[in-house]
N, C-alpha and C. Protein backbone atom coordinates (compact mmCIF):
# COMPACT_ATOMS: atom_id res chain seq x y z
N MET A 1 106.06 52.22 29.01
CA MET A 1 105.15 52.10 30.13
C MET A 1 103.70 52.10 29.63
N LYS A 2 103.44 52.97 28.61
CA LYS A 2 102.08 53.04 28.07
C LYS A 2 101.68 51.69 27.49
N LYS A 3 102.60 51.01 26.80
CA LYS A 3 102.30 49.72 26.20
C LYS A 3 101.94 48.68 27.26
N LEU A 4 102.64 48.67 28.39
CA LEU A 4 102.38 47.74 29.46
C LEU A 4 100.99 47.96 30.04
N VAL A 5 100.60 49.21 30.23
CA VAL A 5 99.26 49.54 30.76
C VAL A 5 98.22 49.11 29.74
N LEU A 6 98.45 49.37 28.46
CA LEU A 6 97.50 48.98 27.43
C LEU A 6 97.32 47.48 27.33
N ILE A 7 98.41 46.72 27.39
CA ILE A 7 98.35 45.26 27.33
C ILE A 7 97.63 44.73 28.55
N THR A 8 97.92 45.26 29.73
CA THR A 8 97.23 44.80 30.95
C THR A 8 95.74 45.07 30.86
N ALA A 9 95.34 46.24 30.36
CA ALA A 9 93.91 46.58 30.24
C ALA A 9 93.25 45.65 29.21
N ALA A 10 93.93 45.37 28.12
CA ALA A 10 93.36 44.50 27.08
C ALA A 10 93.15 43.08 27.64
N VAL A 11 94.10 42.56 28.39
CA VAL A 11 93.98 41.23 28.96
C VAL A 11 92.82 41.22 29.95
N ALA A 12 92.67 42.26 30.75
CA ALA A 12 91.58 42.32 31.73
C ALA A 12 90.22 42.32 31.05
N VAL A 13 90.11 43.08 29.94
CA VAL A 13 88.83 43.13 29.22
C VAL A 13 88.53 41.79 28.57
N LEU A 14 89.51 41.13 27.99
CA LEU A 14 89.29 39.84 27.32
C LEU A 14 89.00 38.74 28.35
N ALA A 15 89.52 38.81 29.54
CA ALA A 15 89.31 37.79 30.55
C ALA A 15 87.98 37.90 31.25
N THR A 16 87.34 39.08 31.20
CA THR A 16 86.09 39.31 31.93
C THR A 16 84.99 38.30 31.55
N PRO A 17 84.73 38.03 30.24
CA PRO A 17 83.69 37.04 29.93
C PRO A 17 84.00 35.65 30.46
N VAL A 18 85.25 35.26 30.51
CA VAL A 18 85.63 33.96 31.03
C VAL A 18 85.33 33.88 32.51
N LEU A 19 85.65 34.94 33.22
CA LEU A 19 85.40 34.96 34.68
C LEU A 19 83.92 34.99 34.99
N ALA A 20 83.11 35.58 34.10
CA ALA A 20 81.69 35.73 34.35
C ALA A 20 80.89 34.51 33.87
N GLU A 21 81.55 33.50 33.27
CA GLU A 21 80.85 32.33 32.74
C GLU A 21 80.15 31.57 33.84
N GLU A 22 78.92 31.17 33.55
CA GLU A 22 78.10 30.46 34.53
C GLU A 22 78.59 29.01 34.64
N VAL A 23 78.69 28.52 35.86
CA VAL A 23 79.08 27.15 36.12
C VAL A 23 77.84 26.29 36.19
N LYS A 24 77.75 25.22 35.41
CA LYS A 24 76.61 24.34 35.41
C LYS A 24 76.93 23.12 36.25
N THR A 25 75.96 22.65 37.00
CA THR A 25 76.16 21.48 37.84
C THR A 25 75.18 20.40 37.46
N VAL A 26 75.51 19.18 37.84
CA VAL A 26 74.63 18.03 37.58
C VAL A 26 74.30 17.43 38.94
N GLY A 27 73.03 17.21 39.19
CA GLY A 27 72.60 16.61 40.44
C GLY A 27 72.72 17.58 41.60
N THR A 28 72.51 17.03 42.79
CA THR A 28 72.64 17.83 43.99
C THR A 28 73.67 17.20 44.86
N ALA A 29 74.48 18.02 45.47
CA ALA A 29 75.55 17.53 46.32
C ALA A 29 75.17 17.82 47.77
N PRO A 30 75.47 16.89 48.68
CA PRO A 30 75.18 17.17 50.08
C PRO A 30 76.07 18.32 50.59
N ALA A 31 75.69 18.89 51.69
CA ALA A 31 76.44 20.00 52.25
C ALA A 31 77.84 19.57 52.67
N GLU A 32 77.98 18.34 53.01
CA GLU A 32 79.26 17.84 53.50
C GLU A 32 79.71 16.63 52.68
N ALA A 33 80.97 16.52 52.37
CA ALA A 33 81.49 15.41 51.60
C ALA A 33 81.43 14.13 52.42
N LYS A 34 81.06 13.04 51.75
CA LYS A 34 81.04 11.73 52.39
C LYS A 34 82.05 10.86 51.68
N TYR A 35 82.78 10.04 52.42
CA TYR A 35 83.85 9.24 51.83
C TYR A 35 83.51 7.76 51.99
N SER A 36 84.04 6.98 51.08
CA SER A 36 83.81 5.53 51.09
C SER A 36 85.13 4.80 51.09
N THR A 37 85.04 3.53 51.43
CA THR A 37 86.23 2.67 51.28
C THR A 37 85.94 1.72 50.12
N VAL A 38 86.95 1.39 49.38
CA VAL A 38 86.79 0.52 48.22
C VAL A 38 87.66 -0.70 48.40
N GLY A 39 87.02 -1.87 48.32
CA GLY A 39 87.75 -3.13 48.48
C GLY A 39 88.37 -3.59 47.19
N LYS A 40 89.33 -4.49 47.30
CA LYS A 40 90.02 -4.97 46.12
C LYS A 40 89.15 -5.79 45.20
N ASP A 41 88.04 -6.32 45.71
CA ASP A 41 87.17 -7.16 44.89
C ASP A 41 86.01 -6.37 44.25
N GLU A 42 86.03 -5.05 44.36
CA GLU A 42 84.97 -4.26 43.76
C GLU A 42 85.25 -3.98 42.29
N MET A 43 84.17 -3.85 41.52
CA MET A 43 84.27 -3.63 40.09
C MET A 43 84.48 -2.14 39.83
N PHE A 44 85.34 -1.81 38.86
CA PHE A 44 85.56 -0.46 38.42
C PHE A 44 85.11 -0.34 36.97
N SER A 45 84.56 0.80 36.61
CA SER A 45 84.10 0.98 35.24
C SER A 45 85.24 0.79 34.22
N SER A 46 86.46 1.13 34.62
CA SER A 46 87.61 0.98 33.73
C SER A 46 87.85 -0.50 33.39
N LYS A 47 87.47 -1.40 34.29
CA LYS A 47 87.61 -2.84 34.05
C LYS A 47 86.42 -3.39 33.30
N LEU A 48 85.26 -2.75 33.45
CA LEU A 48 84.03 -3.22 32.81
C LEU A 48 83.99 -2.82 31.35
N LYS A 49 84.38 -1.59 31.03
CA LYS A 49 84.38 -1.14 29.64
C LYS A 49 85.43 -1.92 28.85
N GLY A 50 85.03 -2.43 27.69
CA GLY A 50 85.93 -3.21 26.87
C GLY A 50 85.88 -4.69 27.16
N LEU A 51 85.13 -5.09 28.16
CA LEU A 51 85.03 -6.48 28.55
C LEU A 51 84.13 -7.23 27.55
N ASN A 52 84.63 -8.35 27.01
CA ASN A 52 83.82 -9.16 26.12
C ASN A 52 82.79 -9.93 26.93
N VAL A 53 81.60 -10.05 26.38
CA VAL A 53 80.51 -10.79 27.01
C VAL A 53 80.33 -12.10 26.26
N TYR A 54 80.29 -13.21 26.98
CA TYR A 54 80.14 -14.53 26.39
C TYR A 54 78.82 -15.15 26.82
N ASN A 55 78.33 -16.09 25.99
CA ASN A 55 77.13 -16.84 26.39
C ASN A 55 77.53 -18.17 27.00
N GLN A 56 76.54 -19.02 27.31
CA GLN A 56 76.82 -20.29 27.96
C GLN A 56 77.57 -21.28 27.04
N LYS A 57 77.57 -21.01 25.75
CA LYS A 57 78.32 -21.84 24.80
C LYS A 57 79.72 -21.31 24.61
N ASP A 58 80.11 -20.33 25.43
CA ASP A 58 81.44 -19.68 25.37
C ASP A 58 81.66 -18.94 24.05
N GLU A 59 80.57 -18.45 23.42
CA GLU A 59 80.67 -17.64 22.23
C GLU A 59 80.65 -16.17 22.61
N SER A 60 81.50 -15.37 22.02
CA SER A 60 81.50 -13.92 22.26
C SER A 60 80.28 -13.33 21.60
N ILE A 61 79.44 -12.66 22.41
CA ILE A 61 78.19 -12.09 21.87
C ILE A 61 78.22 -10.57 21.85
N GLY A 62 79.25 -9.98 22.36
CA GLY A 62 79.35 -8.51 22.35
C GLY A 62 80.46 -8.01 23.28
N GLU A 63 80.60 -6.71 23.28
CA GLU A 63 81.61 -6.07 24.13
C GLU A 63 80.96 -4.89 24.86
N ILE A 64 81.22 -4.76 26.14
CA ILE A 64 80.69 -3.63 26.90
C ILE A 64 81.45 -2.38 26.50
N THR A 65 80.73 -1.42 25.89
CA THR A 65 81.38 -0.21 25.44
C THR A 65 81.06 1.00 26.28
N ASP A 66 79.97 0.93 27.04
CA ASP A 66 79.56 2.10 27.84
C ASP A 66 78.64 1.68 28.96
N ILE A 67 78.41 2.61 29.86
CA ILE A 67 77.55 2.36 31.02
C ILE A 67 76.58 3.55 31.13
N ALA A 68 75.28 3.29 31.15
CA ALA A 68 74.29 4.35 31.32
C ALA A 68 73.90 4.44 32.78
N ILE A 69 73.99 5.65 33.34
CA ILE A 69 73.70 5.88 34.75
C ILE A 69 72.62 6.90 34.87
N LYS A 70 71.64 6.64 35.75
CA LYS A 70 70.57 7.59 36.02
C LYS A 70 70.30 7.56 37.53
N ASN A 71 70.21 8.72 38.11
CA ASN A 71 69.96 8.85 39.56
C ASN A 71 70.91 7.99 40.39
N ASN A 72 72.18 8.05 40.02
CA ASN A 72 73.26 7.33 40.72
C ASN A 72 73.10 5.81 40.66
N GLN A 73 72.36 5.28 39.70
CA GLN A 73 72.17 3.85 39.52
C GLN A 73 72.54 3.47 38.10
N VAL A 74 73.16 2.31 37.95
CA VAL A 74 73.46 1.82 36.60
C VAL A 74 72.15 1.35 35.99
N GLU A 75 71.73 2.01 34.92
CA GLU A 75 70.47 1.69 34.24
C GLU A 75 70.68 0.67 33.13
N ALA A 76 71.81 0.73 32.43
CA ALA A 76 72.03 -0.18 31.31
C ALA A 76 73.52 -0.30 31.02
N LEU A 77 73.86 -1.43 30.47
CA LEU A 77 75.18 -1.65 29.91
C LEU A 77 75.02 -1.56 28.40
N ILE A 78 75.84 -0.77 27.74
CA ILE A 78 75.76 -0.64 26.30
C ILE A 78 76.76 -1.61 25.68
N LEU A 79 76.24 -2.56 24.89
CA LEU A 79 77.08 -3.56 24.24
C LEU A 79 77.16 -3.30 22.76
N SER A 80 78.37 -3.50 22.23
CA SER A 80 78.60 -3.44 20.81
C SER A 80 78.45 -4.88 20.31
N VAL A 81 77.54 -5.10 19.34
CA VAL A 81 77.29 -6.46 18.86
C VAL A 81 77.36 -6.51 17.35
N GLY A 82 77.63 -7.72 16.85
CA GLY A 82 77.65 -7.94 15.42
C GLY A 82 78.84 -7.25 14.75
N GLY A 83 78.91 -7.37 13.49
CA GLY A 83 79.95 -6.70 12.73
C GLY A 83 81.29 -7.37 12.80
N PHE A 84 82.21 -6.82 12.01
CA PHE A 84 83.57 -7.33 11.95
C PHE A 84 84.49 -6.14 11.76
N LEU A 85 85.46 -5.99 12.66
CA LEU A 85 86.40 -4.87 12.63
C LEU A 85 85.71 -3.52 12.57
N GLY A 86 84.63 -3.43 13.34
CA GLY A 86 83.93 -2.14 13.40
C GLY A 86 82.90 -1.90 12.31
N MET A 87 82.80 -2.78 11.33
CA MET A 87 81.85 -2.61 10.24
C MET A 87 80.60 -3.44 10.54
N GLY A 88 79.43 -2.82 10.44
CA GLY A 88 78.18 -3.53 10.61
C GLY A 88 77.78 -3.76 12.06
N GLU A 89 78.55 -3.24 12.99
CA GLU A 89 78.18 -3.41 14.40
C GLU A 89 77.11 -2.39 14.77
N HIS A 90 76.37 -2.72 15.81
CA HIS A 90 75.42 -1.76 16.39
C HIS A 90 75.42 -1.92 17.89
N TYR A 91 74.77 -1.01 18.57
CA TYR A 91 74.77 -1.01 20.03
C TYR A 91 73.44 -1.51 20.55
N VAL A 92 73.49 -2.20 21.68
CA VAL A 92 72.29 -2.70 22.34
C VAL A 92 72.41 -2.35 23.81
N ALA A 93 71.34 -1.80 24.38
CA ALA A 93 71.32 -1.48 25.80
C ALA A 93 70.68 -2.67 26.54
N VAL A 94 71.41 -3.23 27.49
CA VAL A 94 70.88 -4.37 28.25
C VAL A 94 70.84 -4.02 29.73
N ALA A 95 69.89 -4.60 30.43
CA ALA A 95 69.78 -4.39 31.87
C ALA A 95 71.00 -4.99 32.56
N PRO A 96 71.54 -4.32 33.54
CA PRO A 96 72.72 -4.87 34.25
C PRO A 96 72.43 -6.22 34.88
N SER A 97 71.18 -6.47 35.26
CA SER A 97 70.83 -7.73 35.89
C SER A 97 70.91 -8.91 34.93
N SER A 98 70.93 -8.62 33.61
CA SER A 98 70.99 -9.72 32.64
C SER A 98 72.44 -10.13 32.31
N VAL A 99 73.41 -9.40 32.87
CA VAL A 99 74.81 -9.72 32.62
C VAL A 99 75.45 -10.11 33.95
N SER A 100 76.09 -11.27 33.96
CA SER A 100 76.79 -11.72 35.16
C SER A 100 78.26 -11.37 35.00
N VAL A 101 78.77 -10.59 35.94
CA VAL A 101 80.19 -10.19 35.91
C VAL A 101 80.83 -10.75 37.17
N ARG A 102 81.95 -11.44 36.96
CA ARG A 102 82.63 -12.03 38.12
C ARG A 102 84.14 -11.98 37.88
N HIS A 103 84.87 -12.06 38.98
CA HIS A 103 86.33 -12.05 38.88
C HIS A 103 86.85 -13.47 38.98
N ASP A 104 87.64 -13.88 38.02
CA ASP A 104 88.28 -15.21 37.99
C ASP A 104 89.61 -15.05 38.76
N GLU A 105 89.60 -15.49 40.01
CA GLU A 105 90.78 -15.34 40.86
C GLU A 105 91.97 -16.11 40.32
N LYS A 106 91.71 -17.31 39.78
CA LYS A 106 92.82 -18.15 39.27
C LYS A 106 93.61 -17.45 38.16
N ASN A 107 92.88 -16.83 37.20
CA ASN A 107 93.53 -16.16 36.08
C ASN A 107 93.63 -14.63 36.27
N ASN A 108 93.14 -14.15 37.40
CA ASN A 108 93.15 -12.73 37.74
C ASN A 108 92.59 -11.86 36.62
N LYS A 109 91.36 -12.20 36.18
CA LYS A 109 90.69 -11.37 35.16
C LYS A 109 89.20 -11.39 35.38
N TRP A 110 88.52 -10.37 34.82
CA TRP A 110 87.07 -10.25 34.93
C TRP A 110 86.41 -10.97 33.76
N LEU A 111 85.28 -11.62 34.04
CA LEU A 111 84.53 -12.35 33.03
C LEU A 111 83.07 -11.88 33.05
N ALA A 112 82.49 -11.76 31.88
CA ALA A 112 81.07 -11.37 31.77
C ALA A 112 80.34 -12.40 30.94
N THR A 113 79.20 -12.84 31.42
CA THR A 113 78.37 -13.82 30.68
C THR A 113 76.94 -13.33 30.64
N MET A 114 76.22 -13.81 29.64
CA MET A 114 74.83 -13.47 29.45
C MET A 114 74.11 -14.67 28.83
N ASN A 115 72.90 -14.93 29.25
CA ASN A 115 72.15 -16.08 28.76
C ASN A 115 71.37 -15.68 27.51
N THR A 116 72.05 -15.70 26.35
CA THR A 116 71.41 -15.35 25.09
C THR A 116 72.29 -15.91 23.95
N THR A 117 71.83 -15.65 22.73
CA THR A 117 72.59 -16.12 21.57
C THR A 117 73.08 -14.92 20.75
N LYS A 118 74.02 -15.20 19.83
CA LYS A 118 74.49 -14.14 18.94
C LYS A 118 73.34 -13.60 18.10
N GLU A 119 72.53 -14.50 17.62
CA GLU A 119 71.39 -14.11 16.76
C GLU A 119 70.42 -13.19 17.50
N ALA A 120 70.14 -13.52 18.76
CA ALA A 120 69.23 -12.70 19.54
C ALA A 120 69.80 -11.30 19.77
N MET A 121 71.11 -11.24 20.01
CA MET A 121 71.77 -9.93 20.22
C MET A 121 71.74 -9.11 18.92
N LYS A 122 71.95 -9.74 17.79
CA LYS A 122 71.95 -9.02 16.51
C LYS A 122 70.53 -8.52 16.19
N ALA A 123 69.50 -9.26 16.65
CA ALA A 123 68.12 -8.89 16.37
C ALA A 123 67.55 -7.94 17.44
N ALA A 124 68.27 -7.70 18.50
CA ALA A 124 67.78 -6.83 19.58
C ALA A 124 67.63 -5.41 19.12
N PRO A 125 66.74 -4.65 19.76
CA PRO A 125 66.57 -3.25 19.36
C PRO A 125 67.87 -2.46 19.46
N GLU A 126 68.15 -1.67 18.45
CA GLU A 126 69.41 -0.91 18.44
C GLU A 126 69.33 0.30 19.39
N PHE A 127 70.39 0.48 20.12
CA PHE A 127 70.51 1.66 20.99
C PHE A 127 71.26 2.73 20.20
N LYS A 128 70.68 3.96 20.23
CA LYS A 128 71.36 5.10 19.62
C LYS A 128 71.56 6.17 20.66
N TYR A 129 72.77 6.69 20.71
CA TYR A 129 73.07 7.74 21.69
C TYR A 129 72.23 8.96 21.43
N PRO A 130 71.69 9.57 22.50
CA PRO A 130 70.93 10.80 22.31
C PRO A 130 71.84 11.93 21.83
N LYS A 131 71.27 12.82 21.07
CA LYS A 131 72.10 13.93 20.55
C LYS A 131 72.10 15.08 21.49
């Protein structure tokens, strides 16, 4: 019986810091939850990430690897450009307005295009993730 009491007390003491841990929040939430409806033609980040971006010459100029969001707005699309098999590639942050994303109903897939060249993307300022 003494062992059971001792184990229970030890667990309670060890759990106290976990229970007292401060919860951090991001942004402000309204007092009441608001709900939305999502149509079948809306874009999802899971479909956008990994999407190859092509130029008007149908050349692959990069791949969307991430999405930068600020104040609930998409600020930039992060593209991986250059390189081969992950070697020599770098990231470029582009304005969402410079990338056209559309759904090809015939082939049931998403397409992304941008009016630029491979060379311009390789020469673009490199984006580095903040630490």
